[in-house]
Amino acid sequence: MRVEYMRSLASAHRWPEEVDLLCEEMARTLTFFTYEEVVWLQRALSANCGPRAFALRKARERRRIRDHFQRMWSVFGDSNALAAARLKRRKRKLQGKKASTEANGDADDLAAGDEEAEEVEGEGGDDNDDDETE
């Protein structure tokens, strides 16, 4: 069971990298089909009737494929949606760390937090006393 948990944990840690790679692959695919369309259009300009029709058909196919992928991937290309997903993931990660710290009852972390809280409360009290005497 521990091995399965560790594999799942490793997979979850690789998720952000996979998302970045997938977005990059999608962008490169769209760029490639745009490039191919331009190449076939240039060939059509310098060709006779038969080869020109063939080149125009190939250019139209490349444009159609690119447009299809662009429509399918438009959801992923929205930077706001992707940024929101990453922000939600970071928040969950921070909440998970906080919960695990509280669940483990790590005495050092809790003691350090209590000391910092006491210092802040003590400083605030001193400032208030000085204001009243002046």
C-alpha atoms as a PDB file:
ATOM      1  CA  MET A   1       0.000   0.000   0.000  1.00  0.00           C
ATOM      2  CA  ARG A   2       2.881   2.383   0.772  1.00  0.00           C
ATOM      3  CA  VAL A   3       4.410   1.742  -2.645  1.00  0.00           C
ATOM      4  CA  GLU A   4       1.132   2.588  -4.345  1.00  0.00           C
ATOM      5  CA  TYR A   5       0.852   5.774  -2.275  1.00  0.00           C
ATOM      6  CA  MET A   6       4.411   6.829  -3.143  1.00  0.00           C
ATOM      7  CA  ARG A   7       3.806   6.204  -6.859  1.00  0.00           C
ATOM      8  CA  SER A   8       0.642   8.296  -6.725  1.00  0.00           C
ATOM      9  CA  LEU A   9       2.467  11.043  -4.842  1.00  0.00           C
ATOM     10  CA  ALA A  10       5.303  11.086  -7.407  1.00  0.00           C
ATOM     11  CA  SER A  11       2.755  11.258 -10.209  1.00  0.00           C
ATOM     12  CA  ALA A  12       1.007  14.191  -8.528  1.00  0.00           C
ATOM     13  CA  HIS A  13       4.317  16.018  -8.180  1.00  0.00           C
ATOM     14  CA  ARG A  14       5.003  15.600 -11.913  1.00  0.00           C
ATOM     15  CA  TRP A  15       1.604  17.034 -12.861  1.00  0.00           C
ATOM     16  CA  PRO A  16       2.633  20.709 -13.241  1.00  0.00           C
ATOM     17  CA  GLU A  17       5.520  19.765 -15.528  1.00  0.00           C
ATOM     18  CA  GLU A  18       3.214  17.585 -17.624  1.00  0.00           C
ATOM     19  CA  VAL A  19       0.745  20.464 -17.984  1.00  0.00           C
ATOM     20  CA  ASP A  20       3.513  22.816 -19.120  1.00  0.00           C
ATOM     21  CA  LEU A  21       4.844  20.267 -21.624  1.00  0.00           C
ATOM     22  CA  LEU A  22       1.378  19.584 -22.989  1.00  0.00           C
ATOM     23  CA  CYS A  23       0.676  23.295 -23.492  1.00  0.00           C
ATOM     24  CA  GLU A  24       4.015  23.688 -25.272  1.00  0.00           C
ATOM     25  CA  GLU A  25       3.280  20.707 -27.534  1.00  0.00           C
ATOM     26  CA  MET A  26      -0.118  22.160 -28.431  1.00  0.00           C
ATOM     27  CA  ALA A  27       1.429  25.519 -29.329  1.00  0.00           C
ATOM     28  CA  ARG A  28       4.119  23.858 -31.445  1.00  0.00           C
ATOM     29  CA  THR A  29       1.541  21.741 -33.268  1.00  0.00           C
ATOM     30  CA  LEU A  30      -0.453  24.830 -34.223  1.00  0.00           C
ATOM     31  CA  THR A  31       2.735  26.578 -35.354  1.00  0.00           C
ATOM     32  CA  PHE A  32       3.720  23.560 -37.452  1.00  0.00           C
ATOM     33  CA  PHE A  33       0.389  23.425 -39.281  1.00  0.00           C
ATOM     34  CA  THR A  34       0.564  27.179 -39.935  1.00  0.00           C
ATOM     35  CA  TYR A  35       4.061  26.735 -41.369  1.00  0.00           C
ATOM     36  CA  GLU A  36       2.933  23.810 -43.545  1.00  0.00           C
ATOM     37  CA  GLU A  37       0.017  25.846 -44.891  1.00  0.00           C
ATOM     38  CA  VAL A  38       2.365  28.683 -45.889  1.00  0.00           C
ATOM     39  CA  VAL A  39       4.766  26.237 -47.581  1.00  0.00           C
ATOM     40  CA  TRP A  40       1.967  24.688 -49.647  1.00  0.00           C
ATOM     41  CA  LEU A  41       0.608  28.118 -50.593  1.00  0.00           C
ATOM     42  CA  GLN A  42       4.066  29.145 -51.812  1.00  0.00           C
ATOM     43  CA  ARG A  43       4.271  25.959 -53.873  1.00  0.00           C
ATOM     44  CA  ALA A  44       0.854  26.752 -55.347  1.00  0.00           C
ATOM     45  CA  LEU A  45       2.063  30.169 -56.516  1.00  0.00           C
ATOM     46  CA  SER A  46       4.920  28.669 -58.492  1.00  0.00           C
ATOM     47  CA  ALA A  47       3.071  25.638 -59.926  1.00  0.00           C
ATOM     48  CA  ASN A  48       0.999  24.929 -63.032  1.00  0.00           C
ATOM     49  CA  CYS A  49      -2.666  23.907 -63.047  1.00  0.00           C
ATOM     50  CA  GLY A  50      -2.508  20.302 -61.773  1.00  0.00           C
ATOM     51  CA  PRO A  51       0.215  20.746 -59.146  1.00  0.00           C
ATOM     52  CA  ARG A  52      -1.347  24.086 -58.122  1.00  0.00           C
ATOM     53  CA  ALA A  53      -4.684  22.405 -57.345  1.00  0.00           C
ATOM     54  CA  PHE A  54      -2.839  19.719 -55.357  1.00  0.00           C
ATOM     55  CA  ALA A  55      -0.852  22.330 -53.384  1.00  0.00           C
ATOM     56  CA  LEU A  56      -3.976  24.389 -52.650  1.00  0.00           C
ATOM     57  CA  ARG A  57      -5.767  21.269 -51.418  1.00  0.00           C
ATOM     58  CA  LYS A  58      -2.832  20.435 -49.121  1.00  0.00           C
ATOM     59  CA  ALA A  59      -2.781  24.021 -47.797  1.00  0.00           C
ATOM     60  CA  ARG A  60      -6.540  23.868 -47.172  1.00  0.00           C
ATOM     61  CA  GLU A  61      -6.128  20.553 -45.306  1.00  0.00           C
ATOM     62  CA  ARG A  62      -3.407  21.996 -43.094  1.00  0.00           C
ATOM     63  CA  ARG A  63      -5.546  25.058 -42.319  1.00  0.00           C
ATOM     64  CA  ARG A  64      -8.573  22.869 -41.553  1.00  0.00           C
ATOM     65  CA  ILE A  65      -6.566  20.624 -39.212  1.00  0.00           C
ATOM     66  CA  ARG A  66      -5.006  23.652 -37.476  1.00  0.00           C
ATOM     67  CA  ASP A  67      -8.408  25.309 -37.019  1.00  0.00           C
ATOM     68  CA  HIS A  68      -9.867  22.068 -35.664  1.00  0.00           C
ATOM     69  CA  PHE A  69      -7.094  21.700 -33.077  1.00  0.00           C
ATOM     70  CA  GLN A  70      -7.308  25.379 -32.215  1.00  0.00           C
ATOM     71  CA  ARG A  71     -11.030  25.049 -31.464  1.00  0.00           C
ATOM     72  CA  MET A  72     -10.484  21.876 -29.431  1.00  0.00           C
ATOM     73  CA  TRP A  73      -7.622  23.402 -27.436  1.00  0.00           C
ATOM     74  CA  SER A  74      -9.073  26.893 -27.017  1.00  0.00           C
ATOM     75  CA  VAL A  75     -10.101  25.952 -23.459  1.00  0.00           C
ATOM     76  CA  PHE A  76      -6.486  25.137 -22.560  1.00  0.00           C
ATOM     77  CA  GLY A  77      -5.073  28.171 -24.325  1.00  0.00           C
ATOM     78  CA  ASP A  78      -6.964  30.538 -22.036  1.00  0.00           C
ATOM     79  CA  SER A  79      -4.197  31.782 -19.758  1.00  0.00           C
ATOM     80  CA  ASN A  80      -6.705  32.893 -17.110  1.00  0.00           C
ATOM     81  CA  ALA A  81      -8.143  29.388 -16.781  1.00  0.00           C
ATOM     82  CA  LEU A  82      -4.680  27.841 -16.616  1.00  0.00           C
ATOM     83  CA  ALA A  83      -3.489  30.413 -14.069  1.00  0.00           C
ATOM     84  CA  ALA A  84      -6.604  29.829 -11.954  1.00  0.00           C
ATOM     85  CA  ALA A  85      -6.009  26.071 -11.992  1.00  0.00           C
ATOM     86  CA  ARG A  86      -2.401  26.547 -10.876  1.00  0.00           C
ATOM     87  CA  LEU A  87      -3.476  28.947  -8.107  1.00  0.00           C
ATOM     88  CA  LYS A  88      -6.052  26.459  -6.809  1.00  0.00           C
ATOM     89  CA  ARG A  89      -3.393  23.745  -6.795  1.00  0.00           C
ATOM     90  CA  ARG A  90      -0.979  25.933  -4.802  1.00  0.00           C
ATOM     91  CA  LYS A  91      -3.694  26.743  -2.264  1.00  0.00           C
ATOM     92  CA  ARG A  92      -4.527  23.044  -1.846  1.00  0.00           C
ATOM     93  CA  LYS A  93      -0.840  22.267  -1.424  1.00  0.00           C
ATOM     94  CA  LEU A  94      -0.428  24.926   1.275  1.00  0.00           C
ATOM     95  CA  GLN A  95      -3.566  23.744   3.068  1.00  0.00           C
ATOM     96  CA  GLY A  96      -2.256  20.171   2.922  1.00  0.00           C
ATOM     97  CA  LYS A  97       1.065  21.203   4.453  1.00  0.00           C
ATOM     98  CA  LYS A  98      -0.718  23.131   7.204  1.00  0.00           C
ATOM     99  CA  ALA A  99      -3.009  20.199   7.953  1.00  0.00           C
ATOM    100  CA  SER A 100      -0.135  17.700   8.033  1.00  0.00           C
ATOM    101  CA  THR A 101       1.843  19.944  10.396  1.00  0.00           C
ATOM    102  CA  GLU A 102      -1.145  20.200  12.726  1.00  0.00           C
ATOM    103  CA  ALA A 103      -1.860  16.469  12.486  1.00  0.00           C
ATOM    104  CA  ASN A 104       1.754  15.504  13.211  1.00  0.00           C
ATOM    105  CA  GLY A 105       1.832  17.804  16.226  1.00  0.00           C
ATOM    106  CA  ASP A 106       5.402  18.868  15.468  1.00  0.00           C
ATOM    107  CA  ALA A 107       6.415  20.397  18.796  1.00  0.00           C
ATOM    108  CA  ASP A 108       9.243  22.509  17.369  1.00  0.00           C
ATOM    109  CA  ASP A 109       7.047  24.186  14.742  1.00  0.00           C
ATOM    110  CA  LEU A 110       4.232  24.750  17.189  1.00  0.00           C
ATOM    111  CA  ALA A 111       6.563  26.107  19.866  1.00  0.00           C
ATOM    112  CA  ALA A 112       8.201  28.474  17.367  1.00  0.00           C
ATOM    113  CA  GLY A 113       4.768  29.678  16.285  1.00  0.00           C
ATOM    114  CA  ASP A 114       3.710  30.251  19.912  1.00  0.00           C
ATOM    115  CA  GLU A 115       6.894  32.207  20.657  1.00  0.00           C
ATOM    116  CA  GLU A 116       6.374  34.433  17.617  1.00  0.00           C
ATOM    117  CA  ALA A 117       2.770  35.049  18.615  1.00  0.00           C
ATOM    118  CA  GLU A 118       3.834  36.016  22.143  1.00  0.00           C
ATOM    119  CA  GLU A 119       6.462  38.417  20.766  1.00  0.00           C
ATOM    120  CA  VAL A 120       3.906  40.128  18.546  1.00  0.00           C
ATOM    121  CA  GLU A 121       1.382  40.394  21.392  1.00  0.00           C
ATOM    122  CA  GLY A 122       4.064  41.746  23.735  1.00  0.00           C
ATOM    123  CA  GLU A 123       5.193  44.364  21.224  1.00  0.00           C
ATOM    124  CA  GLY A 124       1.636  45.476  20.593  1.00  0.00           C
ATOM    125  CA  GLY A 125       0.998  45.855  24.333  1.00  0.00           C
ATOM    126  CA  ASP A 126       4.125  47.951  24.832  1.00  0.00           C
ATOM    127  CA  ASP A 127       3.162  50.285  22.010  1.00  0.00           C
ATOM    128  CA  ASN A 128      -0.296  50.805  23.451  1.00  0.00           C
ATOM    129  CA  ASP A 129       1.094  51.608  26.914  1.00  0.00           C
ATOM    130  CA  ASP A 130       3.492  54.212  25.472  1.00  0.00           C
ATOM    131  CA  ASP A 131       0.640  55.919  23.609  1.00  0.00           C
ATOM    132  CA  GLU A 132      -1.481  56.225  26.742  1.00  0.00           C
ATOM    133  CA  THR A 133       1.298  57.798  28.826  1.00  0.00           C
ATOM    134  CA  GLU A 134       2.154  60.449  26.258  1.00  0.00           C
END
